[in-house]
Amino acid sequence: MPRMLPLPLSLSRGNQALLRGAALGALCLVLAAGCAEGEHRHGEQRSDPYLTSDTRRPIPLSSPAGKEHRAVMMQHLETIQVIVNALVEEDYELAKGLTESHLGFFMHRQAMAHQQPGNFPPAYHDLAMAHHEAAETLARIIPTKDLKQILPQLNNVLKACVACHLEYRLRTS
């Protein structure tokens, strides 16, 4: 049985619906960015992703390493969904813990221990570090329990996800 904590403030049904809608939209955006066929280079204007070929740079990983990397990306996406749900349920402790352990620098160190960092381009590493830093900032803000502070930081995490998915793809064999 999930533990219930007394919470000083609760979200109205309207705010819960708004937060869920925003979360669903953000998750759709991340998924679309990961699958989008678009022409984009860091700092350049994107063309219509449905009219151009996929020019994202492939990450040179073997098939098993690519599958492992895809599993990590799916775990990130699932974690974001659980974090958003924890925020909706006002379980800030869970949201903070998941953000730190699954998206922050702890996860980066775990990934580096299992993957070969030399196989990733330096610019990919920079994008990954920006993602982990955004997650760490989000984790520091969550204890405020103030959605007006939390949601912009969550948006920064999603922006970091999208930036990477627009720039890189897994190589297909």
C-alpha atoms as a PDB file:
ATOM      1  CA  MET A   1       0.000   0.000   0.000  1.00  0.00           C
ATOM      2  CA  PRO A   2       1.470   3.384  -0.942  1.00  0.00           C
ATOM      3  CA  ARG A   3       2.311   5.611   1.963  1.00  0.00           C
ATOM      4  CA  MET A   4       0.273   8.731   2.350  1.00  0.00           C
ATOM      5  CA  LEU A   5       1.881  11.856   3.692  1.00  0.00           C
ATOM      6  CA  PRO A   6      -0.123  14.754   5.057  1.00  0.00           C
ATOM      7  CA  LEU A   7       0.322  17.610   2.635  1.00  0.00           C
ATOM      8  CA  PRO A   8      -0.327  21.241   3.511  1.00  0.00           C
ATOM      9  CA  LEU A   9      -1.633  22.195   0.071  1.00  0.00           C
ATOM     10  CA  SER A  10      -3.424  20.163  -2.526  1.00  0.00           C
ATOM     11  CA  LEU A  11      -3.841  20.808  -6.186  1.00  0.00           C
ATOM     12  CA  SER A  12      -7.325  21.534  -7.409  1.00  0.00           C
ATOM     13  CA  ARG A  13      -8.765  19.159  -9.992  1.00  0.00           C
ATOM     14  CA  GLY A  14      -8.259  21.865 -12.601  1.00  0.00           C
ATOM     15  CA  ASN A  15      -4.581  22.261 -11.719  1.00  0.00           C
ATOM     16  CA  GLN A  16      -4.120  18.482 -11.715  1.00  0.00           C
ATOM     17  CA  ALA A  17      -5.699  18.261 -15.167  1.00  0.00           C
ATOM     18  CA  LEU A  18      -3.534  21.131 -16.399  1.00  0.00           C
ATOM     19  CA  LEU A  19      -0.358  19.515 -15.046  1.00  0.00           C
ATOM     20  CA  ARG A  20      -1.277  16.132 -16.546  1.00  0.00           C
ATOM     21  CA  GLY A  21      -2.034  17.789 -19.892  1.00  0.00           C
ATOM     22  CA  ALA A  22       1.267  19.660 -19.842  1.00  0.00           C
ATOM     23  CA  ALA A  23       3.105  16.464 -18.954  1.00  0.00           C
ATOM     24  CA  LEU A  24       1.416  14.519 -21.740  1.00  0.00           C
ATOM     25  CA  GLY A  25       2.269  17.254 -24.221  1.00  0.00           C
ATOM     26  CA  ALA A  26       5.886  17.324 -23.060  1.00  0.00           C
ATOM     27  CA  LEU A  27       6.216  13.543 -23.319  1.00  0.00           C
ATOM     28  CA  CYS A  28       4.737  13.625 -26.835  1.00  0.00           C
ATOM     29  CA  LEU A  29       7.250  16.311 -27.759  1.00  0.00           C
ATOM     30  CA  VAL A  30      10.175  14.215 -26.484  1.00  0.00           C
ATOM     31  CA  LEU A  31       8.925  11.137 -28.323  1.00  0.00           C
ATOM     32  CA  ALA A  32       8.340  13.088 -31.522  1.00  0.00           C
ATOM     33  CA  ALA A  33      11.791  14.639 -31.307  1.00  0.00           C
ATOM     34  CA  GLY A  34      13.373  11.222 -30.884  1.00  0.00           C
ATOM     35  CA  CYS A  35      11.609   9.925 -33.965  1.00  0.00           C
ATOM     36  CA  ALA A  36      11.511  13.107 -36.021  1.00  0.00           C
ATOM     37  CA  GLU A  37      13.102  13.263 -39.387  1.00  0.00           C
ATOM     38  CA  GLY A  38      14.595  16.698 -39.295  1.00  0.00           C
ATOM     39  CA  GLU A  39      17.513  18.723 -40.507  1.00  0.00           C
ATOM     40  CA  HIS A  40      19.098  20.413 -37.531  1.00  0.00           C
ATOM     41  CA  ARG A  41      22.532  21.316 -36.349  1.00  0.00           C
ATOM     42  CA  HIS A  42      23.215  22.906 -33.009  1.00  0.00           C
ATOM     43  CA  GLY A  43      22.421  26.618 -33.297  1.00  0.00           C
ATOM     44  CA  GLU A  44      20.776  26.405 -36.732  1.00  0.00           C
ATOM     45  CA  GLN A  45      17.147  26.888 -37.696  1.00  0.00           C
ATOM     46  CA  ARG A  46      15.238  23.625 -38.274  1.00  0.00           C
ATOM     47  CA  SER A  47      13.386  22.971 -41.487  1.00  0.00           C
ATOM     48  CA  ASP A  48      10.078  21.109 -41.644  1.00  0.00           C
ATOM     49  CA  PRO A  49      10.927  17.664 -40.195  1.00  0.00           C
ATOM     50  CA  TYR A  50       8.321  15.929 -42.346  1.00  0.00           C
ATOM     51  CA  LEU A  51       9.703  17.223 -45.645  1.00  0.00           C
ATOM     52  CA  THR A  52      13.409  16.534 -45.217  1.00  0.00           C
ATOM     53  CA  SER A  53      15.534  13.456 -44.700  1.00  0.00           C
ATOM     54  CA  ASP A  54      16.981  12.509 -41.333  1.00  0.00           C
ATOM     55  CA  THR A  55      20.316  14.290 -41.020  1.00  0.00           C
ATOM     56  CA  ARG A  56      20.879  13.639 -37.343  1.00  0.00           C
ATOM     57  CA  ARG A  57      24.329  12.305 -36.632  1.00  0.00           C
ATOM     58  CA  PRO A  58      24.518   8.603 -35.785  1.00  0.00           C
ATOM     59  CA  ILE A  59      26.181   7.513 -32.563  1.00  0.00           C
ATOM     60  CA  PRO A  60      28.707   4.814 -33.553  1.00  0.00           C
ATOM     61  CA  LEU A  61      27.696   1.999 -31.213  1.00  0.00           C
ATOM     62  CA  SER A  62      27.663  -1.741 -31.757  1.00  0.00           C
ATOM     63  CA  SER A  63      24.248  -3.389 -31.892  1.00  0.00           C
ATOM     64  CA  PRO A  64      24.356  -4.582 -28.246  1.00  0.00           C
ATOM     65  CA  ALA A  65      25.623  -1.191 -27.028  1.00  0.00           C
ATOM     66  CA  GLY A  66      22.950   0.544 -29.105  1.00  0.00           C
ATOM     67  CA  LYS A  67      20.248  -1.613 -27.514  1.00  0.00           C
ATOM     68  CA  GLU A  68      21.606  -0.816 -24.056  1.00  0.00           C
ATOM     69  CA  HIS A  69      21.693   2.892 -24.870  1.00  0.00           C
ATOM     70  CA  ARG A  70      18.104   2.763 -26.168  1.00  0.00           C
ATOM     71  CA  ALA A  71      17.073   1.075 -22.894  1.00  0.00           C
ATOM     72  CA  VAL A  72      18.671   3.945 -20.928  1.00  0.00           C
ATOM     73  CA  MET A  73      16.791   6.502 -23.054  1.00  0.00           C
ATOM     74  CA  MET A  74      13.502   4.657 -22.521  1.00  0.00           C
ATOM     75  CA  GLN A  75      14.204   4.566 -18.789  1.00  0.00           C
ATOM     76  CA  HIS A  76      14.731   8.347 -18.845  1.00  0.00           C
ATOM     77  CA  LEU A  77      11.385   8.810 -20.583  1.00  0.00           C
ATOM     78  CA  GLU A  78       9.580   6.500 -18.166  1.00  0.00           C
ATOM     79  CA  THR A  79      11.230   8.244 -15.224  1.00  0.00           C
ATOM     80  CA  ILE A  80      10.031  11.637 -16.427  1.00  0.00           C
ATOM     81  CA  GLN A  81       6.490  10.276 -16.607  1.00  0.00           C
ATOM     82  CA  VAL A  82       6.722   8.937 -13.027  1.00  0.00           C
ATOM     83  CA  ILE A  83       8.224  12.240 -11.814  1.00  0.00           C
ATOM     84  CA  VAL A  84       5.358  14.175 -13.367  1.00  0.00           C
ATOM     85  CA  ASN A  85       2.858  11.813 -11.765  1.00  0.00           C
ATOM     86  CA  ALA A  86       4.614  12.197  -8.392  1.00  0.00           C
ATOM     87  CA  LEU A  87       4.300  15.972  -8.754  1.00  0.00           C
ATOM     88  CA  VAL A  88       0.597  15.614  -9.573  1.00  0.00           C
ATOM     89  CA  GLU A  89       0.188  13.425  -6.483  1.00  0.00           C
ATOM     90  CA  GLU A  90       2.264  15.939  -4.492  1.00  0.00           C
ATOM     91  CA  ASP A  91       4.831  13.294  -3.576  1.00  0.00           C
ATOM     92  CA  TYR A  92       7.767  15.691  -3.762  1.00  0.00           C
ATOM     93  CA  GLU A  93      10.134  13.323  -1.977  1.00  0.00           C
ATOM     94  CA  LEU A  94       9.610  10.644  -4.635  1.00  0.00           C
ATOM     95  CA  ALA A  95       9.934  13.191  -7.453  1.00  0.00           C
ATOM     96  CA  LYS A  96      13.203  14.514  -6.024  1.00  0.00           C
ATOM     97  CA  GLY A  97      14.643  11.052  -5.426  1.00  0.00           C
ATOM     98  CA  LEU A  98      13.831   9.824  -8.926  1.00  0.00           C
ATOM     99  CA  THR A  99      15.214  12.983 -10.485  1.00  0.00           C
ATOM    100  CA  GLU A 100      18.503  12.615  -8.616  1.00  0.00           C
ATOM    101  CA  SER A 101      18.955   8.869  -9.045  1.00  0.00           C
ATOM    102  CA  HIS A 102      17.613   8.363 -12.585  1.00  0.00           C
ATOM    103  CA  LEU A 103      18.349  11.624 -14.398  1.00  0.00           C
ATOM    104  CA  GLY A 104      21.117  13.375 -12.460  1.00  0.00           C
ATOM    105  CA  PHE A 105      24.858  12.829 -12.313  1.00  0.00           C
ATOM    106  CA  PHE A 106      24.433   9.521 -10.442  1.00  0.00           C
ATOM    107  CA  MET A 107      22.901   8.066 -13.610  1.00  0.00           C
ATOM    108  CA  HIS A 108      25.660   9.622 -15.718  1.00  0.00           C
ATOM    109  CA  ARG A 109      28.308   7.880 -13.638  1.00  0.00           C
ATOM    110  CA  GLN A 110      26.402   4.577 -13.920  1.00  0.00           C
ATOM    111  CA  ALA A 111      26.119   4.903 -17.703  1.00  0.00           C
ATOM    112  CA  MET A 112      29.824   5.728 -18.054  1.00  0.00           C
ATOM    113  CA  ALA A 113      30.705   2.624 -16.038  1.00  0.00           C
ATOM    114  CA  HIS A 114      28.718   0.400 -18.431  1.00  0.00           C
ATOM    115  CA  GLN A 115      29.292   2.148 -21.751  1.00  0.00           C
ATOM    116  CA  GLN A 116      32.442   3.155 -23.563  1.00  0.00           C
ATOM    117  CA  PRO A 117      32.558   6.970 -23.388  1.00  0.00           C
ATOM    118  CA  GLY A 118      35.023   7.076 -26.292  1.00  0.00           C
ATOM    119  CA  ASN A 119      32.278   5.854 -28.645  1.00  0.00           C
ATOM    120  CA  PHE A 120      30.255   9.027 -28.074  1.00  0.00           C
ATOM    121  CA  PRO A 121      31.099  12.272 -29.877  1.00  0.00           C
ATOM    122  CA  PRO A 122      32.273  15.124 -27.594  1.00  0.00           C
ATOM    123  CA  ALA A 123      29.225  17.236 -28.532  1.00  0.00           C
ATOM    124  CA  TYR A 124      26.956  14.353 -27.456  1.00  0.00           C
ATOM    125  CA  HIS A 125      28.757  14.268 -24.125  1.00  0.00           C
ATOM    126  CA  ASP A 126      28.173  18.027 -23.745  1.00  0.00           C
ATOM    127  CA  LEU A 127      24.434  17.570 -24.385  1.00  0.00           C
ATOM    128  CA  ALA A 128      24.311  14.691 -21.891  1.00  0.00           C
ATOM    129  CA  MET A 129      26.053  16.804 -19.264  1.00  0.00           C
ATOM    130  CA  ALA A 130      23.546  19.629 -19.855  1.00  0.00           C
ATOM    131  CA  HIS A 131      20.731  17.102 -19.344  1.00  0.00           C
ATOM    132  CA  HIS A 132      22.191  15.828 -16.064  1.00  0.00           C
ATOM    133  CA  GLU A 133      22.833  19.393 -14.837  1.00  0.00           C
ATOM    134  CA  ALA A 134      19.223  20.356 -15.634  1.00  0.00           C
ATOM    135  CA  ALA A 135      18.059  17.321 -13.659  1.00  0.00           C
ATOM    136  CA  GLU A 136      20.241  18.245 -10.691  1.00  0.00           C
ATOM    137  CA  THR A 137      18.798  21.774 -10.731  1.00  0.00           C
ATOM    138  CA  LEU A 138      15.270  20.340 -10.866  1.00  0.00           C
ATOM    139  CA  ALA A 139      16.036  18.069  -7.898  1.00  0.00           C
ATOM    140  CA  ARG A 140      17.201  21.089  -5.875  1.00  0.00           C
ATOM    141  CA  ILE A 141      13.976  22.999  -6.691  1.00  0.00           C
ATOM    142  CA  ILE A 142      11.441  20.201  -6.059  1.00  0.00           C
ATOM    143  CA  PRO A 143      11.524  20.532  -2.225  1.00  0.00           C
ATOM    144  CA  THR A 144      10.077  24.050  -2.584  1.00  0.00           C
ATOM    145  CA  LYS A 145       6.797  22.354  -3.575  1.00  0.00           C
ATOM    146  CA  ASP A 146       6.175  25.422  -5.739  1.00  0.00           C
ATOM    147  CA  LEU A 147       5.054  24.384  -9.225  1.00  0.00           C
ATOM    148  CA  LYS A 148       5.800  27.869 -10.536  1.00  0.00           C
ATOM    149  CA  GLN A 149       9.463  27.123  -9.785  1.00  0.00           C
ATOM    150  CA  ILE A 150       9.377  23.381 -10.506  1.00  0.00           C
ATOM    151  CA  LEU A 151       7.711  23.385 -13.934  1.00  0.00           C
ATOM    152  CA  PRO A 152      10.251  25.716 -15.630  1.00  0.00           C
ATOM    153  CA  GLN A 153      13.054  23.473 -14.352  1.00  0.00           C
ATOM    154  CA  LEU A 154      11.216  20.356 -15.562  1.00  0.00           C
ATOM    155  CA  ASN A 155      10.865  22.120 -18.911  1.00  0.00           C
ATOM    156  CA  ASN A 156      14.655  22.656 -18.958  1.00  0.00           C
ATOM    157  CA  VAL A 157      15.161  18.902 -18.478  1.00  0.00           C
ATOM    158  CA  LEU A 158      12.808  18.228 -21.393  1.00  0.00           C
ATOM    159  CA  LYS A 159      14.595  20.845 -23.530  1.00  0.00           C
ATOM    160  CA  ALA A 160      17.872  19.029 -22.878  1.00  0.00           C
ATOM    161  CA  CYS A 161      16.278  15.729 -23.946  1.00  0.00           C
ATOM    162  CA  VAL A 162      14.874  17.255 -27.131  1.00  0.00           C
ATOM    163  CA  ALA A 163      18.153  18.995 -28.011  1.00  0.00           C
ATOM    164  CA  CYS A 164      19.983  15.685 -27.962  1.00  0.00           C
ATOM    165  CA  HIS A 165      17.305  13.781 -29.882  1.00  0.00           C
ATOM    166  CA  LEU A 166      17.313  16.476 -32.568  1.00  0.00           C
ATOM    167  CA  GLU A 167      21.062  16.188 -32.992  1.00  0.00           C
ATOM    168  CA  TYR A 168      21.766  12.436 -32.656  1.00  0.00           C
ATOM    169  CA  ARG A 169      20.276   9.071 -33.462  1.00  0.00           C
ATOM    170  CA  LEU A 170      21.341   5.505 -32.931  1.00  0.00           C
ATOM    171  CA  ARG A 171      23.009   3.988 -35.947  1.00  0.00           C
ATOM    172  CA  THR A 172      20.789   1.420 -37.654  1.00  0.00           C
ATOM    173  CA  SER A 173      22.430  -1.767 -38.881  1.00  0.00           C
END
